[in-house]
N, C-alpha and C. Protein backbone atom coordinates (compact mmCIF):
# COMPACT_ATOMS: atom_id res chain seq x y z
N UNK A 1 30.99 -33.91 41.34
CA UNK A 1 31.47 -33.78 39.98
C UNK A 1 30.57 -32.80 39.23
N UNK A 2 31.12 -31.73 38.72
CA UNK A 2 30.34 -30.75 37.96
C UNK A 2 30.71 -30.86 36.49
N UNK A 3 29.70 -30.61 35.69
CA UNK A 3 29.89 -30.71 34.24
C UNK A 3 30.15 -29.32 33.67
N UNK A 4 31.03 -29.22 32.72
CA UNK A 4 31.36 -27.95 32.09
C UNK A 4 30.22 -27.58 31.13
N UNK A 5 29.71 -26.34 31.19
CA UNK A 5 28.62 -25.95 30.28
C UNK A 5 29.09 -25.86 28.83
N UNK A 6 28.13 -25.99 27.92
CA UNK A 6 28.44 -25.91 26.49
C UNK A 6 28.87 -24.50 26.09
N UNK A 7 28.18 -23.51 26.62
CA UNK A 7 28.48 -22.11 26.31
C UNK A 7 28.75 -21.34 27.60
N UNK A 8 29.47 -20.25 27.52
CA UNK A 8 29.64 -19.41 28.71
C UNK A 8 28.30 -18.78 29.10
N UNK A 9 28.14 -18.53 30.38
CA UNK A 9 26.88 -17.99 30.90
C UNK A 9 26.56 -16.62 30.28
N UNK A 10 27.54 -15.81 30.03
CA UNK A 10 27.30 -14.47 29.47
C UNK A 10 26.70 -14.58 28.06
N UNK A 11 27.23 -15.51 27.28
CA UNK A 11 26.72 -15.70 25.93
C UNK A 11 25.27 -16.19 25.95
N UNK A 12 24.97 -17.08 26.90
CA UNK A 12 23.61 -17.60 27.04
C UNK A 12 22.64 -16.49 27.42
N UNK A 13 23.03 -15.64 28.36
CA UNK A 13 22.18 -14.53 28.79
C UNK A 13 21.95 -13.57 27.62
N UNK A 14 22.98 -13.33 26.83
CA UNK A 14 22.87 -12.44 25.67
C UNK A 14 21.86 -13.00 24.66
N UNK A 15 21.94 -14.30 24.38
CA UNK A 15 20.99 -14.93 23.43
C UNK A 15 19.58 -14.90 23.98
N UNK A 16 19.41 -15.16 25.28
CA UNK A 16 18.08 -15.15 25.88
C UNK A 16 17.45 -13.76 25.78
N UNK A 17 18.23 -12.74 26.05
CA UNK A 17 17.69 -11.38 25.96
C UNK A 17 17.33 -11.03 24.53
N UNK A 18 18.13 -11.50 23.57
CA UNK A 18 17.81 -11.23 22.16
C UNK A 18 16.47 -11.84 21.80
N UNK A 19 16.24 -13.08 22.17
CA UNK A 19 15.01 -13.76 21.79
C UNK A 19 13.81 -13.29 22.60
N UNK A 20 14.02 -12.77 23.80
CA UNK A 20 12.90 -12.32 24.61
C UNK A 20 12.43 -10.93 24.22
N UNK A 21 13.31 -10.11 23.67
CA UNK A 21 12.93 -8.72 23.37
C UNK A 21 12.59 -8.48 21.91
N UNK A 22 12.67 -9.47 21.09
CA UNK A 22 12.35 -9.29 19.68
C UNK A 22 10.84 -9.40 19.49
N UNK A 23 10.27 -8.59 18.60
CA UNK A 23 8.83 -8.56 18.41
C UNK A 23 8.45 -9.19 17.08
N UNK A 24 8.78 -10.44 16.90
CA UNK A 24 8.40 -11.19 15.71
C UNK A 24 7.76 -12.49 16.18
N UNK A 25 7.22 -13.24 15.22
CA UNK A 25 6.70 -14.55 15.56
C UNK A 25 7.85 -15.45 15.99
N UNK A 26 7.55 -16.45 16.80
CA UNK A 26 8.61 -17.30 17.32
C UNK A 26 9.31 -18.08 16.23
N UNK A 27 8.64 -18.43 15.15
CA UNK A 27 9.29 -19.23 14.12
C UNK A 27 10.13 -18.36 13.17
N UNK A 28 10.17 -17.05 13.36
CA UNK A 28 10.98 -16.18 12.51
C UNK A 28 12.03 -15.41 13.30
N UNK A 29 12.39 -15.88 14.48
CA UNK A 29 13.28 -15.10 15.32
C UNK A 29 14.74 -15.21 14.95
N UNK A 30 15.18 -16.33 14.44
CA UNK A 30 16.58 -16.49 14.10
C UNK A 30 16.94 -15.79 12.81
N UNK A 31 18.21 -15.61 12.54
CA UNK A 31 18.61 -14.89 11.32
C UNK A 31 18.36 -15.68 10.04
N UNK A 32 18.39 -16.99 10.09
CA UNK A 32 18.19 -17.80 8.88
C UNK A 32 16.80 -18.43 8.82
N UNK A 33 15.90 -18.07 9.71
CA UNK A 33 14.59 -18.72 9.78
C UNK A 33 13.67 -18.32 8.64
N UNK A 34 13.89 -17.18 8.02
CA UNK A 34 13.04 -16.79 6.91
C UNK A 34 13.21 -17.73 5.72
N UNK A 35 14.40 -18.28 5.57
CA UNK A 35 14.66 -19.20 4.46
C UNK A 35 13.87 -20.48 4.66
N UNK A 36 13.92 -21.04 5.87
CA UNK A 36 13.27 -22.32 6.10
C UNK A 36 11.77 -22.19 6.30
N UNK A 37 11.29 -21.06 6.81
CA UNK A 37 9.87 -20.93 7.11
C UNK A 37 9.07 -20.29 5.98
N UNK A 38 9.70 -19.54 5.11
CA UNK A 38 8.97 -18.81 4.08
C UNK A 38 9.41 -19.22 2.68
N UNK A 39 10.68 -19.15 2.40
CA UNK A 39 11.17 -19.33 1.04
C UNK A 39 10.99 -20.75 0.53
N UNK A 40 11.38 -21.74 1.32
CA UNK A 40 11.28 -23.13 0.86
C UNK A 40 9.83 -23.55 0.64
N UNK A 41 8.88 -23.27 1.57
CA UNK A 41 7.48 -23.62 1.28
C UNK A 41 6.91 -22.89 0.06
N UNK A 42 7.28 -21.63 -0.14
CA UNK A 42 6.80 -20.91 -1.32
C UNK A 42 7.36 -21.52 -2.60
N UNK A 43 8.61 -21.92 -2.58
CA UNK A 43 9.20 -22.56 -3.76
C UNK A 43 8.53 -23.89 -4.06
N UNK A 44 8.26 -24.68 -3.03
CA UNK A 44 7.57 -25.96 -3.24
C UNK A 44 6.16 -25.75 -3.77
N UNK A 45 5.45 -24.76 -3.24
CA UNK A 45 4.10 -24.47 -3.71
C UNK A 45 4.12 -24.01 -5.17
N UNK A 46 5.06 -23.15 -5.52
CA UNK A 46 5.15 -22.67 -6.91
C UNK A 46 5.48 -23.81 -7.86
N UNK A 47 6.40 -24.69 -7.47
CA UNK A 47 6.76 -25.82 -8.33
C UNK A 47 5.59 -26.77 -8.52
N UNK A 48 4.85 -27.03 -7.43
CA UNK A 48 3.71 -27.94 -7.56
C UNK A 48 2.60 -27.33 -8.40
N UNK A 49 2.35 -26.03 -8.25
CA UNK A 49 1.33 -25.37 -9.09
C UNK A 49 1.73 -25.40 -10.56
N UNK A 50 3.02 -25.19 -10.83
CA UNK A 50 3.50 -25.26 -12.21
C UNK A 50 3.28 -26.65 -12.79
N UNK A 51 3.62 -27.69 -12.03
CA UNK A 51 3.45 -29.06 -12.53
C UNK A 51 2.00 -29.43 -12.72
N UNK A 52 1.13 -28.97 -11.83
CA UNK A 52 -0.30 -29.23 -11.98
C UNK A 52 -0.81 -28.54 -13.24
N UNK A 53 -0.42 -27.28 -13.43
CA UNK A 53 -0.86 -26.55 -14.63
C UNK A 53 -0.36 -27.19 -15.91
N UNK A 54 0.89 -27.63 -15.91
CA UNK A 54 1.45 -28.30 -17.09
C UNK A 54 0.73 -29.61 -17.37
N UNK A 55 0.39 -30.35 -16.31
CA UNK A 55 -0.34 -31.60 -16.48
C UNK A 55 -1.73 -31.38 -17.05
N UNK A 56 -2.42 -30.37 -16.57
CA UNK A 56 -3.76 -30.06 -17.10
C UNK A 56 -3.67 -29.63 -18.56
N UNK A 57 -2.67 -28.81 -18.89
CA UNK A 57 -2.49 -28.38 -20.28
C UNK A 57 -2.20 -29.58 -21.18
N UNK A 58 -1.30 -30.46 -20.74
CA UNK A 58 -0.97 -31.63 -21.54
C UNK A 58 -2.17 -32.56 -21.73
N UNK A 59 -2.97 -32.74 -20.69
CA UNK A 59 -4.16 -33.60 -20.81
C UNK A 59 -5.19 -32.99 -21.75
N UNK A 60 -5.36 -31.67 -21.67
CA UNK A 60 -6.39 -31.05 -22.51
C UNK A 60 -5.98 -31.01 -23.99
N UNK A 61 -4.69 -31.03 -24.27
CA UNK A 61 -4.22 -31.02 -25.66
C UNK A 61 -3.77 -32.39 -26.15
N UNK A 62 -3.81 -33.39 -25.31
CA UNK A 62 -3.44 -34.73 -25.71
C UNK A 62 -1.96 -34.91 -25.93
N UNK A 63 -1.15 -34.18 -25.23
CA UNK A 63 0.31 -34.26 -25.39
C UNK A 63 0.85 -35.30 -24.42
N UNK A 64 1.80 -36.12 -24.89
CA UNK A 64 2.48 -37.05 -24.01
C UNK A 64 1.74 -38.34 -23.74
N UNK A 65 0.77 -38.68 -24.57
CA UNK A 65 0.03 -39.94 -24.36
C UNK A 65 0.89 -41.11 -24.83
N UNK A 66 0.73 -42.24 -24.13
CA UNK A 66 1.41 -43.45 -24.56
C UNK A 66 0.53 -44.14 -25.59
N UNK A 67 1.14 -44.60 -26.66
CA UNK A 67 0.39 -45.26 -27.73
C UNK A 67 0.11 -46.70 -27.41
C-alpha cells in the first residue's frame, strides 16, 4: 500500500532549490517571514517603550494617582 504524496515531486524539488540557493538568513527565507521576524517584534518593542515612557512621565508629574 503506497501513500499519495501531499505535493507533486516537481513542486517539492522547485521549493528545495529555492531555499538552498537563497543567500539570506534561514529565518528570513520565505516571502512573508519579514513580517513575523522583524515587523511584529519591532512594533511590540516600540509599544512597550512608549508605555514605559508614559508611565515614568505620569509618575514624575503625579498624574493618575488614586486618591
